[in-house]
Amino acid sequence: MDLTEFNEIRPYNDEELPQIFEELIADPAFQKAATGAIPNVPFELLAQKMRA
């Protein structure tokens, strides 16, 4: 079995997360979803927590 055929659906490795978080933070759809889900938390505070 070739495990690389599942690369698109595998969980992220820890070292990949900072880049993934930056991509999410920059995504307007994510920003809208996050502010809709937790309206009392400023998005920049959420972004800071994701970067920590």
Protein backbone atom coordinates (compact mmCIF):
# COMPACT_ATOMS: atom_id res chain seq x y z
CA MET A 1 0.00 0.00 0.00
CA ASP A 2 1.31 3.44 -0.93
CA LEU A 3 0.58 5.70 2.06
CA THR A 4 1.41 8.85 0.07
CA GLU A 5 -1.90 8.47 -1.74
CA PHE A 6 -3.55 9.71 1.48
CA ASN A 7 -1.39 12.84 1.89
CA GLU A 8 -4.30 15.15 1.09
CA ILE A 9 -6.41 13.85 3.98
CA ARG A 10 -3.76 13.06 6.60
CA PRO A 11 -3.48 15.06 9.83
CA TYR A 12 -0.93 17.86 9.89
CA ASN A 13 2.42 17.34 11.58
CA ASP A 14 3.33 19.71 14.41
CA GLU A 15 5.97 21.44 12.31
CA GLU A 16 3.38 22.21 9.62
CA LEU A 17 0.95 23.97 11.95
CA PRO A 18 2.48 27.47 12.05
CA GLN A 19 2.18 27.78 8.26
CA ILE A 20 -1.36 26.37 8.27
CA PHE A 21 -2.38 28.81 11.02
CA GLU A 22 -0.97 31.73 9.01
CA GLU A 23 -2.93 30.60 5.96
CA LEU A 24 -6.11 30.43 8.05
CA ILE A 25 -5.49 33.84 9.64
CA ALA A 26 -5.10 35.38 6.17
CA ASP A 27 -8.26 33.73 4.81
CA PRO A 28 -11.25 36.15 4.78
CA ALA A 29 -13.70 33.23 5.00
CA PHE A 30 -11.98 31.97 8.16
CA GLN A 31 -11.99 35.47 9.63
CA LYS A 32 -15.72 35.76 8.98
CA ALA A 33 -16.46 32.31 10.41
CA ALA A 34 -14.34 32.93 13.50
CA THR A 35 -15.87 36.31 14.26
CA GLY A 36 -19.33 34.83 13.73
CA ALA A 37 -18.62 31.87 16.02
CA ILE A 38 -17.00 33.92 18.78
CA PRO A 39 -18.20 37.50 18.30
CA ASN A 40 -16.99 38.72 21.71
CA VAL A 41 -13.34 37.91 20.94
CA PRO A 42 -11.52 40.27 18.58
CA PHE A 43 -10.07 38.40 15.62
CA GLU A 44 -6.59 39.78 16.27
CA LEU A 45 -6.63 38.23 19.75
CA LEU A 46 -7.55 34.88 18.23
CA ALA A 47 -4.73 35.27 15.69
CA GLN A 48 -2.26 36.01 18.50
CA LYS A 49 -3.35 32.85 20.34
CA MET A 50 -2.99 30.79 17.17
CA ARG A 51 0.54 32.11 16.72
CA ALA A 52 1.56 31.38 20.32
